[in-house]
Amino acid sequence: MLDLKKPVAEYGRTPFLVGAFLCFIGALLAFCVKKPAGDQSVETIPLGSSV
């Protein structure tokens, strides 16, 4: 691990850095993944009808 050579006082940062990294990956996936396409059928409305 990268933290093994650091003083004991600096170990407290690791959970926060890992959490920030995971949140960043989650946000990146949330913005990059497209929503599934909905119903793309054309709706037919008769002429003269009030909607």
PDB file of N, CA and C in Angstrom:
ATOM      1  N   MET A   1       0.841  -1.190   0.000  1.00  0.00           N
ATOM      2  CA  MET A   1       0.000   0.000   0.000  1.00  0.00           C
ATOM      3  C   MET A   1       0.877   1.240   0.000  1.00  0.00           C
ATOM      4  N   LEU A   2       0.315   2.327  -0.431  1.00  0.00           N
ATOM      5  CA  LEU A   2       1.050   3.573  -0.487  1.00  0.00           C
ATOM      6  C   LEU A   2       1.225   4.216   0.885  1.00  0.00           C
ATOM      7  N   ASP A   3       0.322   3.936   1.811  1.00  0.00           N
ATOM      8  CA  ASP A   3       0.344   4.585   3.118  1.00  0.00           C
ATOM      9  C   ASP A   3       1.329   3.957   4.102  1.00  0.00           C
ATOM     10  N   LEU A   4       1.927   2.846   3.788  1.00  0.00           N
ATOM     11  CA  LEU A   4       2.730   2.135   4.774  1.00  0.00           C
ATOM     12  C   LEU A   4       3.979   2.895   5.199  1.00  0.00           C
ATOM     13  N   LYS A   5       4.500   3.787   4.395  1.00  0.00           N
ATOM     14  CA  LYS A   5       5.713   4.513   4.731  1.00  0.00           C
ATOM     15  C   LYS A   5       5.427   5.882   5.353  1.00  0.00           C
ATOM     16  N   LYS A   6       4.172   6.238   5.516  1.00  0.00           N
ATOM     17  CA  LYS A   6       3.792   7.530   6.072  1.00  0.00           C
ATOM     18  C   LYS A   6       3.689   7.435   7.594  1.00  0.00           C
ATOM     19  N   PRO A   7       3.805   8.558   8.286  1.00  0.00           N
ATOM     20  CA  PRO A   7       3.600   8.550   9.736  1.00  0.00           C
ATOM     21  C   PRO A   7       2.162   8.167  10.085  1.00  0.00           C
ATOM     22  N   VAL A   8       1.968   7.693  11.315  1.00  0.00           N
ATOM     23  CA  VAL A   8       0.653   7.212  11.753  1.00  0.00           C
ATOM     24  C   VAL A   8      -0.388   8.330  11.716  1.00  0.00           C
ATOM     25  N   ALA A   9       0.005   9.567  11.933  1.00  0.00           N
ATOM     26  CA  ALA A   9      -0.941  10.696  11.965  1.00  0.00           C
ATOM     27  C   ALA A   9      -1.594  10.930  10.605  1.00  0.00           C
ATOM     28  N   GLU A  10      -0.982  10.492   9.531  1.00  0.00           N
ATOM     29  CA  GLU A  10      -1.534  10.727   8.195  1.00  0.00           C
ATOM     30  C   GLU A  10      -2.470   9.622   7.717  1.00  0.00           C
ATOM     31  N   TYR A  11      -2.641   8.566   8.486  1.00  0.00           N
ATOM     32  CA  TYR A  11      -3.545   7.488   8.074  1.00  0.00           C
ATOM     33  C   TYR A  11      -5.005   7.916   8.094  1.00  0.00           C
ATOM     34  N   GLY A  12      -5.340   8.969   8.826  1.00  0.00           N
ATOM     35  CA  GLY A  12      -6.721   9.425   8.932  1.00  0.00           C
ATOM     36  C   GLY A  12      -7.269   9.985   7.639  1.00  0.00           C
ATOM     37  N   ARG A  13      -6.428  10.335   6.693  1.00  0.00           N
ATOM     38  CA  ARG A  13      -6.883  10.907   5.429  1.00  0.00           C
ATOM     39  C   ARG A  13      -7.374   9.852   4.449  1.00  0.00           C
ATOM     40  N   THR A  14      -6.879   8.659   4.554  1.00  0.00           N
ATOM     41  CA  THR A  14      -7.138   7.627   3.553  1.00  0.00           C
ATOM     42  C   THR A  14      -8.630   7.346   3.344  1.00  0.00           C
ATOM     43  N   PRO A  15      -9.445   7.140   4.376  1.00  0.00           N
ATOM     44  CA  PRO A  15     -10.874   6.869   4.118  1.00  0.00           C
ATOM     45  C   PRO A  15     -11.569   8.009   3.379  1.00  0.00           C
ATOM     46  N   PHE A  16     -11.172   9.235   3.680  1.00  0.00           N
ATOM     47  CA  PHE A  16     -11.800  10.378   3.006  1.00  0.00           C
ATOM     48  C   PHE A  16     -11.377  10.460   1.542  1.00  0.00           C
ATOM     49  N   LEU A  17     -10.132  10.169   1.271  1.00  0.00           N
ATOM     50  CA  LEU A  17      -9.664  10.181  -0.110  1.00  0.00           C
ATOM     51  C   LEU A  17     -10.313   9.068  -0.929  1.00  0.00           C
ATOM     52  N   VAL A  18     -10.442   7.897  -0.335  1.00  0.00           N
ATOM     53  CA  VAL A  18     -11.095   6.780  -1.031  1.00  0.00           C
ATOM     54  C   VAL A  18     -12.569   7.102  -1.259  1.00  0.00           C
ATOM     55  N   GLY A  19     -13.227   7.692  -0.257  1.00  0.00           N
ATOM     56  CA  GLY A  19     -14.631   8.079  -0.405  1.00  0.00           C
ATOM     57  C   GLY A  19     -14.824   9.129  -1.493  1.00  0.00           C
ATOM     58  N   ALA A  20     -13.924  10.111  -1.533  1.00  0.00           N
ATOM     59  CA  ALA A  20     -14.006  11.141  -2.573  1.00  0.00           C
ATOM     60  C   ALA A  20     -13.798  10.541  -3.953  1.00  0.00           C
ATOM     61  N   PHE A  21     -12.872   9.608  -4.057  1.00  0.00           N
ATOM     62  CA  PHE A  21     -12.616   8.940  -5.339  1.00  0.00           C
ATOM     63  C   PHE A  21     -13.845   8.147  -5.790  1.00  0.00           C
ATOM     64  N   LEU A  22     -14.468   7.428  -4.878  1.00  0.00           N
ATOM     65  CA  LEU A  22     -15.658   6.647  -5.231  1.00  0.00           C
ATOM     66  C   LEU A  22     -16.824   7.552  -5.622  1.00  0.00           C
ATOM     67  N   CYS A  23     -16.980   8.687  -4.940  1.00  0.00           N
ATOM     68  CA  CYS A  23     -18.036   9.636  -5.310  1.00  0.00           C
ATOM     69  C   CYS A  23     -17.781  10.217  -6.693  1.00  0.00           C
ATOM     70  N   PHE A  24     -16.514  10.489  -6.998  1.00  0.00           N
ATOM     71  CA  PHE A  24     -16.172  11.020  -8.310  1.00  0.00           C
ATOM     72  C   PHE A  24     -16.504  10.007  -9.404  1.00  0.00           C
ATOM     73  N   ILE A  25     -16.163   8.745  -9.181  1.00  0.00           N
ATOM     74  CA  ILE A  25     -16.465   7.694 -10.159  1.00  0.00           C
ATOM     75  C   ILE A  25     -17.981   7.553 -10.327  1.00  0.00           C
ATOM     76  N   GLY A  26     -18.724   7.612  -9.218  1.00  0.00           N
ATOM     77  CA  GLY A  26     -20.188   7.520  -9.294  1.00  0.00           C
ATOM     78  C   GLY A  26     -20.798   8.675 -10.062  1.00  0.00           C
ATOM     79  N   ALA A  27     -20.296   9.889  -9.822  1.00  0.00           N
ATOM     80  CA  ALA A  27     -20.806  11.061 -10.551  1.00  0.00           C
ATOM     81  C   ALA A  27     -20.460  10.972 -12.029  1.00  0.00           C
ATOM     82  N   LEU A  28     -19.271  10.493 -12.325  1.00  0.00           N
ATOM     83  CA  LEU A  28     -18.855  10.339 -13.727  1.00  0.00           C
ATOM     84  C   LEU A  28     -19.762   9.339 -14.440  1.00  0.00           C
ATOM     85  N   LEU A  29     -20.063   8.236 -13.801  1.00  0.00           N
ATOM     86  CA  LEU A  29     -20.961   7.237 -14.402  1.00  0.00           C
ATOM     87  C   LEU A  29     -22.380   7.783 -14.551  1.00  0.00           C
ATOM     88  N   ALA A  30     -22.836   8.549 -13.562  1.00  0.00           N
ATOM     89  CA  ALA A  30     -24.196   9.083 -13.613  1.00  0.00           C
ATOM     90  C   ALA A  30     -24.374  10.049 -14.777  1.00  0.00           C
ATOM     91  N   PHE A  31     -23.347  10.816 -15.093  1.00  0.00           N
ATOM     92  CA  PHE A  31     -23.456  11.778 -16.188  1.00  0.00           C
ATOM     93  C   PHE A  31     -23.166  11.157 -17.546  1.00  0.00           C
ATOM     94  N   CYS A  32     -22.472  10.046 -17.581  1.00  0.00           N
ATOM     95  CA  CYS A  32     -22.090   9.449 -18.859  1.00  0.00           C
ATOM     96  C   CYS A  32     -23.073   8.402 -19.367  1.00  0.00           C
ATOM     97  N   VAL A  33     -23.787   7.744 -18.475  1.00  0.00           N
ATOM     98  CA  VAL A  33     -24.707   6.680 -18.876  1.00  0.00           C
ATOM     99  C   VAL A  33     -26.000   7.317 -19.362  1.00  0.00           C
ATOM    100  N   LYS A  34     -26.439   6.921 -20.535  1.00  0.00           N
ATOM    101  CA  LYS A  34     -27.660   7.487 -21.110  1.00  0.00           C
ATOM    102  C   LYS A  34     -28.886   6.825 -20.501  1.00  0.00           C
ATOM    103  N   LYS A  35     -29.966   7.584 -20.472  1.00  0.00           N
ATOM    104  CA  LYS A  35     -31.239   7.038 -20.006  1.00  0.00           C
ATOM    105  C   LYS A  35     -31.793   6.120 -21.086  1.00  0.00           C
ATOM    106  N   PRO A  36     -32.522   5.083 -20.705  1.00  0.00           N
ATOM    107  CA  PRO A  36     -33.116   4.217 -21.727  1.00  0.00           C
ATOM    108  C   PRO A  36     -34.179   4.971 -22.518  1.00  0.00           C
ATOM    109  N   ALA A  37     -34.256   4.662 -23.788  1.00  0.00           N
ATOM    110  CA  ALA A  37     -35.216   5.321 -24.666  1.00  0.00           C
ATOM    111  C   ALA A  37     -36.634   4.914 -24.276  1.00  0.00           C
ATOM    112  N   GLY A  38     -37.507   5.874 -24.234  1.00  0.00           N
ATOM    113  CA  GLY A  38     -38.903   5.606 -23.897  1.00  0.00           C
ATOM    114  C   GLY A  38     -39.661   5.105 -25.116  1.00  0.00           C
ATOM    115  N   ASP A  39     -40.958   5.157 -25.029  1.00  0.00           N
ATOM    116  CA  ASP A  39     -41.805   4.749 -26.144  1.00  0.00           C
ATOM    117  C   ASP A  39     -41.656   5.769 -27.268  1.00  0.00           C
ATOM    118  N   GLN A  40     -41.176   5.337 -28.425  1.00  0.00           N
ATOM    119  CA  GLN A  40     -40.929   6.251 -29.529  1.00  0.00           C
ATOM    120  C   GLN A  40     -42.011   6.162 -30.600  1.00  0.00           C
ATOM    121  N   SER A  41     -43.150   5.576 -30.272  1.00  0.00           N
ATOM    122  CA  SER A  41     -44.230   5.480 -31.254  1.00  0.00           C
ATOM    123  C   SER A  41     -44.875   6.850 -31.444  1.00  0.00           C
ATOM    124  N   VAL A  42     -45.338   7.093 -32.634  1.00  0.00           N
ATOM    125  CA  VAL A  42     -45.962   8.372 -32.960  1.00  0.00           C
ATOM    126  C   VAL A  42     -47.423   8.304 -32.521  1.00  0.00           C
ATOM    127  N   GLU A  43     -47.828   9.301 -31.783  1.00  0.00           N
ATOM    128  CA  GLU A  43     -49.202   9.352 -31.300  1.00  0.00           C
ATOM    129  C   GLU A  43     -50.078   9.999 -32.370  1.00  0.00           C
ATOM    130  N   THR A  44     -51.178   9.341 -32.708  1.00  0.00           N
ATOM    131  CA  THR A  44     -52.064   9.896 -33.747  1.00  0.00           C
ATOM    132  C   THR A  44     -53.239  10.583 -33.079  1.00  0.00           C
ATOM    133  N   ILE A  45     -53.423  11.859 -33.405  1.00  0.00           N
ATOM    134  CA  ILE A  45     -54.549  12.628 -32.886  1.00  0.00           C
ATOM    135  C   ILE A  45     -55.411  13.026 -34.083  1.00  0.00           C
ATOM    136  N   PRO A  46     -56.682  12.668 -34.052  1.00  0.00           N
ATOM    137  CA  PRO A  46     -57.549  13.002 -35.181  1.00  0.00           C
ATOM    138  C   PRO A  46     -57.682  14.526 -35.344  1.00  0.00           C
ATOM    139  N   LEU A  47     -57.793  14.938 -36.617  1.00  0.00           N
ATOM    140  CA  LEU A  47     -57.956  16.360 -36.913  1.00  0.00           C
ATOM    141  C   LEU A  47     -59.265  16.869 -36.356  1.00  0.00           C
ATOM    142  N   GLY A  48     -59.274  18.088 -35.858  1.00  0.00           N
ATOM    143  CA  GLY A  48     -60.501  18.693 -35.356  1.00  0.00           C
ATOM    144  C   GLY A  48     -60.779  18.368 -33.906  1.00  0.00           C
ATOM    145  N   SER A  49     -59.997  17.535 -33.300  1.00  0.00           N
ATOM    146  CA  SER A  49     -60.254  17.226 -31.891  1.00  0.00           C
ATOM    147  C   SER A  49     -59.502  18.225 -31.009  1.00  0.00           C
ATOM    148  N   SER A  50     -60.120  18.621 -29.932  1.00  0.00           N
ATOM    149  CA  SER A  50     -59.459  19.535 -29.004  1.00  0.00           C
ATOM    150  C   SER A  50     -58.760  18.714 -27.921  1.00  0.00           C
ATOM    151  N   VAL A  51     -57.527  19.080 -27.682  1.00  0.00           N
ATOM    152  CA  VAL A  51     -56.743  18.306 -26.715  1.00  0.00           C
ATOM    153  C   VAL A  51     -56.711  19.003 -25.400  1.00  0.00           C
TER     154      VAL A  51
END
